[in-house]
Full PDB file with SEQRES, HELIX, SHEET, SSBOND, CRYST1, ORIGX, SCALE, CONECT and MASTER records, all heavy atoms in Angstrom:
SEQRES   1 A   30  LYS GLU ALA GLU MET ARG TYR SER GLY SER THR ARG LYS          
SEQRES   2 A   30  GLY ILE GLU ALA LEU TYR LEU LYS CYS LEU GLY HIS THR          
SEQRES   3 A   30  ASN THR GLU ILE                                              
HELIX    1 AA1 ALA A    3  ARG A    6  5                                   4    
HELIX    2 AA2 GLY A    9  CYS A   22  1                                  14    
CRYST1    1.000    1.000    1.000  90.00  90.00  90.00 P 1           1          
ORIGX1      1.000000  0.000000  0.000000        0.00000                         
ORIGX2      0.000000  1.000000  0.000000        0.00000                         
ORIGX3      0.000000  0.000000  1.000000        0.00000                         
SCALE1      1.000000  0.000000  0.000000        0.00000                         
SCALE2      0.000000  1.000000  0.000000        0.00000                         
SCALE3      0.000000  0.000000  1.000000        0.00000                         
ATOM      1  N   LYS A   1      25.123 123.372   0.702  1.00  0.00           N  
ATOM      2  CA  LYS A   1      26.196 122.376   0.573  1.00  0.00           C  
ATOM      3  C   LYS A   1      27.062 122.665  -0.652  1.00  0.00           C  
ATOM      4  O   LYS A   1      28.276 122.539  -0.606  1.00  0.00           O  
ATOM      5  CB  LYS A   1      25.621 120.953   0.489  1.00  0.00           C  
ATOM      6  CG  LYS A   1      25.323 120.345   1.814  1.00  0.00           C  
ATOM      7  CD  LYS A   1      26.593 120.184   2.604  1.00  0.00           C  
ATOM      8  CE  LYS A   1      26.346 119.567   3.948  1.00  0.00           C  
ATOM      9  NZ  LYS A   1      27.513 119.622   4.807  1.00  0.00           N  
ATOM     10  N   GLU A   2      26.419 123.057  -1.747  1.00  0.00           N  
ATOM     11  CA  GLU A   2      27.181 123.382  -2.960  1.00  0.00           C  
ATOM     12  C   GLU A   2      28.048 124.618  -2.727  1.00  0.00           C  
ATOM     13  O   GLU A   2      29.217 124.641  -3.107  1.00  0.00           O  
ATOM     14  CB  GLU A   2      26.232 123.642  -4.131  1.00  0.00           C  
ATOM     15  CG  GLU A   2      26.974 123.958  -5.411  1.00  0.00           C  
ATOM     16  CD  GLU A   2      26.049 124.377  -6.535  1.00  0.00           C  
ATOM     17  OE1 GLU A   2      24.855 124.023  -6.516  1.00  0.00           O  
ATOM     18  OE2 GLU A   2      26.548 125.060  -7.431  1.00  0.00           O  
ATOM     19  N   ALA A   3      27.487 125.631  -2.085  1.00  0.00           N  
ATOM     20  CA  ALA A   3      28.238 126.861  -1.815  1.00  0.00           C  
ATOM     21  C   ALA A   3      29.398 126.590  -0.867  1.00  0.00           C  
ATOM     22  O   ALA A   3      30.474 127.179  -1.003  1.00  0.00           O  
ATOM     23  CB  ALA A   3      27.313 127.925  -1.232  1.00  0.00           C  
ATOM     24  N   GLU A   4      29.191 125.682   0.069  1.00  0.00           N  
ATOM     25  CA  GLU A   4      30.224 125.358   1.048  1.00  0.00           C  
ATOM     26  C   GLU A   4      31.515 124.881   0.376  1.00  0.00           C  
ATOM     27  O   GLU A   4      32.617 125.198   0.828  1.00  0.00           O  
ATOM     28  CB  GLU A   4      29.691 124.278   1.998  1.00  0.00           C  
ATOM     29  CG  GLU A   4      30.654 123.837   3.058  1.00  0.00           C  
ATOM     30  CD  GLU A   4      30.088 122.701   3.888  1.00  0.00           C  
ATOM     31  OE1 GLU A   4      28.853 122.542   3.948  1.00  0.00           O  
ATOM     32  OE2 GLU A   4      30.893 121.973   4.465  1.00  0.00           O  
ATOM     33  N   MET A   5      31.387 124.168  -0.734  1.00  0.00           N  
ATOM     34  CA  MET A   5      32.560 123.633  -1.434  1.00  0.00           C  
ATOM     35  C   MET A   5      33.408 124.735  -2.075  1.00  0.00           C  
ATOM     36  O   MET A   5      34.577 124.535  -2.329  1.00  0.00           O  
ATOM     37  CB  MET A   5      32.130 122.638  -2.522  1.00  0.00           C  
ATOM     38  CG  MET A   5      31.400 121.444  -2.000  1.00  0.00           C  
ATOM     39  SD  MET A   5      32.423 120.606  -0.784  1.00  0.00           S  
ATOM     40  CE  MET A   5      31.195 119.739   0.131  1.00  0.00           C  
ATOM     41  N   ARG A   6      32.819 125.902  -2.312  1.00  0.00           N  
ATOM     42  CA  ARG A   6      33.540 126.981  -2.979  1.00  0.00           C  
ATOM     43  C   ARG A   6      34.264 127.903  -2.006  1.00  0.00           C  
ATOM     44  O   ARG A   6      34.994 128.790  -2.424  1.00  0.00           O  
ATOM     45  CB  ARG A   6      32.575 127.805  -3.839  1.00  0.00           C  
ATOM     46  CG  ARG A   6      31.997 127.035  -5.010  1.00  0.00           C  
ATOM     47  CD  ARG A   6      31.285 127.937  -5.998  1.00  0.00           C  
ATOM     48  NE  ARG A   6      30.343 128.873  -5.423  1.00  0.00           N  
ATOM     49  CZ  ARG A   6      29.045 128.622  -5.237  1.00  0.00           C  
ATOM     50  NH1 ARG A   6      28.544 127.448  -5.570  1.00  0.00           N  
ATOM     51  NH2 ARG A   6      28.255 129.540  -4.730  1.00  0.00           N  
ATOM     52  N   TYR A   7      34.052 127.723  -0.728  1.00  0.00           N  
ATOM     53  CA  TYR A   7      34.642 128.617   0.266  1.00  0.00           C  
ATOM     54  C   TYR A   7      35.526 127.846   1.232  1.00  0.00           C  
ATOM     55  O   TYR A   7      35.466 126.618   1.314  1.00  0.00           O  
ATOM     56  CB  TYR A   7      33.537 129.349   1.040  1.00  0.00           C  
ATOM     57  CG  TYR A   7      32.775 130.349   0.200  1.00  0.00           C  
ATOM     58  CD1 TYR A   7      31.559 130.011  -0.384  1.00  0.00           C  
ATOM     59  CD2 TYR A   7      33.278 131.618  -0.016  1.00  0.00           C  
ATOM     60  CE1 TYR A   7      30.863 130.919  -1.170  1.00  0.00           C  
ATOM     61  CE2 TYR A   7      32.584 132.534  -0.790  1.00  0.00           C  
ATOM     62  CZ  TYR A   7      31.381 132.182  -1.360  1.00  0.00           C  
ATOM     63  OH  TYR A   7      30.700 133.084  -2.129  1.00  0.00           O  
ATOM     64  N   SER A   8      36.334 128.585   1.976  1.00  0.00           N  
ATOM     65  CA  SER A   8      37.192 127.967   2.984  1.00  0.00           C  
ATOM     66  C   SER A   8      37.206 128.856   4.232  1.00  0.00           C  
ATOM     67  O   SER A   8      36.615 129.925   4.247  1.00  0.00           O  
ATOM     68  CB  SER A   8      38.614 127.804   2.436  1.00  0.00           C  
ATOM     69  OG  SER A   8      39.167 129.076   2.148  1.00  0.00           O  
ATOM     70  N   GLY A   9      37.891 128.408   5.252  1.00  0.00           N  
ATOM     71  CA  GLY A   9      38.053 129.196   6.467  1.00  0.00           C  
ATOM     72  C   GLY A   9      36.756 129.479   7.186  1.00  0.00           C  
ATOM     73  O   GLY A   9      35.834 128.666   7.223  1.00  0.00           O  
ATOM     74  N   SER A  10      36.673 130.680   7.754  1.00  0.00           N  
ATOM     75  CA  SER A  10      35.515 131.026   8.571  1.00  0.00           C  
ATOM     76  C   SER A  10      34.244 131.149   7.733  1.00  0.00           C  
ATOM     77  O   SER A  10      33.147 130.923   8.246  1.00  0.00           O  
ATOM     78  CB  SER A  10      35.772 132.320   9.340  1.00  0.00           C  
ATOM     79  OG  SER A  10      36.036 133.378   8.461  1.00  0.00           O  
ATOM     80  N   THR A  11      34.372 131.481   6.447  1.00  0.00           N  
ATOM     81  CA  THR A  11      33.180 131.543   5.594  1.00  0.00           C  
ATOM     82  C   THR A  11      32.578 130.152   5.450  1.00  0.00           C  
ATOM     83  O   THR A  11      31.355 129.978   5.539  1.00  0.00           O  
ATOM     84  CB  THR A  11      33.531 132.122   4.206  1.00  0.00           C  
ATOM     85  OG1 THR A  11      34.109 133.411   4.387  1.00  0.00           O  
ATOM     86  CG2 THR A  11      32.305 132.228   3.331  1.00  0.00           C  
ATOM     87  N   ARG A  12      33.422 129.169   5.253  1.00  0.00           N  
ATOM     88  CA  ARG A  12      32.925 127.792   5.129  1.00  0.00           C  
ATOM     89  C   ARG A  12      32.267 127.337   6.437  1.00  0.00           C  
ATOM     90  O   ARG A  12      31.205 126.709   6.417  1.00  0.00           O  
ATOM     91  CB  ARG A  12      34.067 126.858   4.757  1.00  0.00           C  
ATOM     92  CG  ARG A  12      33.606 125.438   4.568  1.00  0.00           C  
ATOM     93  CD  ARG A  12      34.712 124.551   4.075  1.00  0.00           C  
ATOM     94  NE  ARG A  12      34.214 123.216   3.900  1.00  0.00           N  
ATOM     95  CZ  ARG A  12      34.862 122.266   3.292  1.00  0.00           C  
ATOM     96  NH1 ARG A  12      36.032 122.516   2.768  1.00  0.00           N  
ATOM     97  NH2 ARG A  12      34.353 121.067   3.178  1.00  0.00           N  
ATOM     98  N   LYS A  13      32.886 127.696   7.552  1.00  0.00           N  
ATOM     99  CA  LYS A  13      32.293 127.338   8.842  1.00  0.00           C  
ATOM    100  C   LYS A  13      30.935 128.008   9.014  1.00  0.00           C  
ATOM    101  O   LYS A  13      30.003 127.418   9.567  1.00  0.00           O  
ATOM    102  CB  LYS A  13      33.238 127.733   9.973  1.00  0.00           C  
ATOM    103  CG  LYS A  13      34.495 126.907   9.999  1.00  0.00           C  
ATOM    104  CD  LYS A  13      35.467 127.433  11.018  1.00  0.00           C  
ATOM    105  CE  LYS A  13      36.804 126.751  10.824  1.00  0.00           C  
ATOM    106  NZ  LYS A  13      37.909 127.596  11.180  1.00  0.00           N  
ATOM    107  N   GLY A  14      30.823 129.242   8.531  1.00  0.00           N  
ATOM    108  CA  GLY A  14      29.550 129.953   8.605  1.00  0.00           C  
ATOM    109  C   GLY A  14      28.478 129.285   7.770  1.00  0.00           C  
ATOM    110  O   GLY A  14      27.316 129.203   8.182  1.00  0.00           O  
ATOM    111  N   ILE A  15      28.854 128.797   6.584  1.00  0.00           N  
ATOM    112  CA  ILE A  15      27.887 128.104   5.730  1.00  0.00           C  
ATOM    113  C   ILE A  15      27.463 126.792   6.383  1.00  0.00           C  
ATOM    114  O   ILE A  15      26.287 126.425   6.360  1.00  0.00           O  
ATOM    115  CB  ILE A  15      28.465 127.893   4.310  1.00  0.00           C  
ATOM    116  CG1 ILE A  15      28.658 129.251   3.626  1.00  0.00           C  
ATOM    117  CG2 ILE A  15      27.554 127.000   3.482  1.00  0.00           C  
ATOM    118  CD1 ILE A  15      29.406 129.190   2.310  1.00  0.00           C  
ATOM    119  N   GLU A  16      28.419 126.089   7.002  1.00  0.00           N  
ATOM    120  CA  GLU A  16      28.073 124.862   7.722  1.00  0.00           C  
ATOM    121  C   GLU A  16      27.100 125.171   8.864  1.00  0.00           C  
ATOM    122  O   GLU A  16      26.134 124.440   9.093  1.00  0.00           O  
ATOM    123  CB  GLU A  16      29.332 124.206   8.292  1.00  0.00           C  
ATOM    124  CG  GLU A  16      30.254 123.622   7.246  1.00  0.00           C  
ATOM    125  CD  GLU A  16      31.570 123.126   7.833  1.00  0.00           C  
ATOM    126  OE1 GLU A  16      31.850 123.400   9.025  1.00  0.00           O  
ATOM    127  OE2 GLU A  16      32.318 122.481   7.100  1.00  0.00           O  
ATOM    128  N   ALA A  17      27.347 126.281   9.562  1.00  0.00           N  
ATOM    129  CA  ALA A  17      26.468 126.671  10.668  1.00  0.00           C  
ATOM    130  C   ALA A  17      25.085 127.064  10.135  1.00  0.00           C  
ATOM    131  O   ALA A  17      24.065 126.725  10.745  1.00  0.00           O  
ATOM    132  CB  ALA A  17      27.091 127.813  11.462  1.00  0.00           C  
ATOM    133  N   LEU A  18      25.035 127.763   9.001  1.00  0.00           N  
ATOM    134  CA  LEU A  18      23.745 128.092   8.378  1.00  0.00           C  
ATOM    135  C   LEU A  18      22.976 126.823   8.037  1.00  0.00           C  
ATOM    136  O   LEU A  18      21.761 126.743   8.230  1.00  0.00           O  
ATOM    137  CB  LEU A  18      23.961 128.910   7.101  1.00  0.00           C  
ATOM    138  CG  LEU A  18      24.166 130.403   7.268  1.00  0.00           C  
ATOM    139  CD1 LEU A  18      24.593 131.015   5.944  1.00  0.00           C  
ATOM    140  CD2 LEU A  18      22.903 131.059   7.772  1.00  0.00           C  
ATOM    141  N   TYR A  19      23.676 125.841   7.517  1.00  0.00           N  
ATOM    142  CA  TYR A  19      23.070 124.553   7.176  1.00  0.00           C  
ATOM    143  C   TYR A  19      22.416 123.947   8.421  1.00  0.00           C  
ATOM    144  O   TYR A  19      21.256 123.516   8.383  1.00  0.00           O  
ATOM    145  CB  TYR A  19      24.146 123.630   6.606  1.00  0.00           C  
ATOM    146  CG  TYR A  19      23.649 122.280   6.159  1.00  0.00           C  
ATOM    147  CD1 TYR A  19      23.188 122.098   4.857  1.00  0.00           C  
ATOM    148  CD2 TYR A  19      23.633 121.194   7.018  1.00  0.00           C  
ATOM    149  CE1 TYR A  19      22.732 120.864   4.433  1.00  0.00           C  
ATOM    150  CE2 TYR A  19      23.175 119.955   6.606  1.00  0.00           C  
ATOM    151  CZ  TYR A  19      22.732 119.799   5.301  1.00  0.00           C  
ATOM    152  OH  TYR A  19      22.276 118.574   4.883  1.00  0.00           O  
ATOM    153  N   LEU A  20      23.169 123.936   9.513  1.00  0.00           N  
ATOM    154  CA  LEU A  20      22.632 123.355  10.745  1.00  0.00           C  
ATOM    155  C   LEU A  20      21.478 124.192  11.315  1.00  0.00           C  
ATOM    156  O   LEU A  20      20.532 123.650  11.881  1.00  0.00           O  
ATOM    157  CB  LEU A  20      23.746 123.190  11.776  1.00  0.00           C  
ATOM    158  CG  LEU A  20      24.756 122.096  11.425  1.00  0.00           C  
ATOM    159  CD1 LEU A  20      25.947 122.149  12.354  1.00  0.00           C  
ATOM    160  CD2 LEU A  20      24.102 120.726  11.459  1.00  0.00           C  
ATOM    161  N   LYS A  21      21.560 125.506  11.151  1.00  0.00           N  
ATOM    162  CA  LYS A  21      20.449 126.358  11.600  1.00  0.00           C  
ATOM    163  C   LYS A  21      19.196 126.065  10.790  1.00  0.00           C  
ATOM    164  O   LYS A  21      18.092 126.075  11.334  1.00  0.00           O  
ATOM    165  CB  LYS A  21      20.833 127.834  11.502  1.00  0.00           C  
ATOM    166  CG  LYS A  21      21.803 128.219  12.623  1.00  0.00           C  
ATOM    167  CD  LYS A  21      21.862 129.665  12.920  1.00  0.00           C  
ATOM    168  CE  LYS A  21      20.616 130.275  13.365  1.00  0.00           C  
ATOM    169  NZ  LYS A  21      20.562 130.710  14.742  1.00  0.00           N  
ATOM    170  N   CYS A  22      19.356 125.786   9.496  1.00  0.00           N  
ATOM    171  CA  CYS A  22      18.205 125.411   8.666  1.00  0.00           C  
ATOM    172  C   CYS A  22      17.587 124.104   9.144  1.00  0.00           C  
ATOM    173  O   CYS A  22      16.399 123.856   8.931  1.00  0.00           O  
ATOM    174  CB  CYS A  22      18.605 125.292   7.196  1.00  0.00           C  
ATOM    175  SG  CYS A  22      18.902 126.872   6.399  1.00  0.00           S  
ATOM    176  N   LEU A  23      18.395 123.269   9.768  1.00  0.00           N  
ATOM    177  CA  LEU A  23      17.890 122.011  10.316  1.00  0.00           C  
ATOM    178  C   LEU A  23      17.256 122.208  11.695  1.00  0.00           C  
ATOM    179  O   LEU A  23      16.758 121.251  12.289  1.00  0.00           O  
ATOM    180  CB  LEU A  23      19.013 120.978  10.399  1.00  0.00           C  
ATOM    181  CG  LEU A  23      19.561 120.473   9.074  1.00  0.00           C  
ATOM    182  CD1 LEU A  23      20.742 119.529   9.299  1.00  0.00           C  
ATOM    183  CD2 LEU A  23      18.478 119.773   8.264  1.00  0.00           C  
ATOM    184  N   GLY A  24      17.327 123.450  12.225  1.00  0.00           N  
ATOM    185  CA  GLY A  24      16.664 123.741  13.489  1.00  0.00           C  
ATOM    186  C   GLY A  24      17.568 123.845  14.692  1.00  0.00           C  
ATOM    187  O   GLY A  24      17.080 123.975  15.819  1.00  0.00           O  
ATOM    188  N   HIS A  25      18.876 123.788  14.510  1.00  0.00           N  
ATOM    189  CA  HIS A  25      19.791 123.880  15.651  1.00  0.00           C  
ATOM    190  C   HIS A  25      20.053 125.330  16.012  1.00  0.00           C  
ATOM    191  O   HIS A  25      19.988 126.217  15.164  1.00  0.00           O  
ATOM    192  CB  HIS A  25      21.109 123.173  15.337  1.00  0.00           C  
ATOM    193  CG  HIS A  25      20.939 121.710  15.105  1.00  0.00           C  
ATOM    194  ND1 HIS A  25      20.697 120.820  16.116  1.00  0.00           N  
ATOM    195  CD2 HIS A  25      20.949 120.983  13.961  1.00  0.00           C  
ATOM    196  CE1 HIS A  25      20.586 119.607  15.612  1.00  0.00           C  
ATOM    197  NE2 HIS A  25      20.726 119.674  14.295  1.00  0.00           N  
ATOM    198  N   THR A  26      20.368 125.570  17.263  1.00  0.00           N  
ATOM    199  CA  THR A  26      20.667 126.927  17.728  1.00  0.00           C  
ATOM    200  C   THR A  26      22.167 127.183  17.648  1.00  0.00           C  
ATOM    201  O   THR A  26      22.968 126.244  17.554  1.00  0.00           O  
ATOM    202  CB  THR A  26      20.211 127.119  19.182  1.00  0.00           C  
ATOM    203  OG1 THR A  26      21.000 126.264  20.024  1.00  0.00           O  
ATOM    204  CG2 THR A  26      18.731 126.804  19.360  1.00  0.00           C  
ATOM    205  N   ASN A  27      22.532 128.461  17.728  1.00  0.00           N  
ATOM    206  CA  ASN A  27      23.952 128.813  17.758  1.00  0.00           C  
ATOM    207  C   ASN A  27      24.648 128.158  18.945  1.00  0.00           C  
ATOM    208  O   ASN A  27      25.795 127.733  18.846  1.00  0.00           O  
ATOM    209  CB  ASN A  27      24.134 130.332  17.844  1.00  0.00           C  
ATOM    210  CG  ASN A  27      23.867 131.031  16.542  1.00  0.00           C  
ATOM    211  OD1 ASN A  27      23.508 130.394  15.546  1.00  0.00           O  
ATOM    212  ND2 ASN A  27      24.030 132.334  16.529  1.00  0.00           N  
ATOM    213  N   THR A  28      23.965 128.069  20.062  1.00  0.00           N  
ATOM    214  CA  THR A  28      24.540 127.471  21.268  1.00  0.00           C  
ATOM    215  C   THR A  28      24.861 125.993  21.046  1.00  0.00           C  
ATOM    216  O   THR A  28      25.922 125.512  21.450  1.00  0.00           O  
ATOM    217  CB  THR A  28      23.578 127.641  22.456  1.00  0.00           C  
ATOM    218  OG1 THR A  28      23.248 129.030  22.579  1.00  0.00           O  
ATOM    219  CG2 THR A  28      24.194 127.154  23.737  1.00  0.00           C  
ATOM    220  N   GLU A  29      23.938 125.275  20.403  1.00  0.00           N  
ATOM    221  CA  GLU A  29      24.183 123.852  20.125  1.00  0.00           C  
ATOM    222  C   GLU A  29      25.357 123.682  19.164  1.00  0.00           C  
ATOM    223  O   GLU A  29      26.212 122.807  19.360  1.00  0.00           O  
ATOM    224  CB  GLU A  29      22.934 123.215  19.514  1.00  0.00           C  
ATOM    225  CG  GLU A  29      21.769 123.111  20.468  1.00  0.00           C  
ATOM    226  CD  GLU A  29      20.481 122.690  19.777  1.00  0.00           C  
ATOM    227  OE1 GLU A  29      20.334 122.927  18.553  1.00  0.00           O  
ATOM    228  OE2 GLU A  29      19.618 122.116  20.464  1.00  0.00           O  
ATOM    229  N   ILE A  30      25.395 124.511  18.123  1.00  0.00           N  
ATOM    230  CA  ILE A  30      26.475 124.429  17.140  1.00  0.00           C  
ATOM    231  C   ILE A  30      27.809 124.770  17.808  1.00  0.00           C  
ATOM    232  O   ILE A  30      28.815 124.099  17.596  1.00  0.00           O  
ATOM    233  CB  ILE A  30      26.196 125.359  15.942  1.00  0.00           C  
ATOM    234  CG1 ILE A  30      24.919 124.918  15.220  1.00  0.00           C  
ATOM    235  CG2 ILE A  30      27.373 125.372  14.975  1.00  0.00           C  
ATOM    236  CD1 ILE A  30      24.372 125.933  14.227  1.00  0.00           C  
TER     237      ILE A  30                                                      
MASTER        0    0    0    2    0    0    0    6  236    1    0    3          
END                                                                             
């Protein structure tokens, strides 16, 4: 979450997706 604030664009979306993957979601769900 802290790293997400320092980035924008597709990198930020990737960090958000990593966050959700850490919560157990799949790429398909995201």
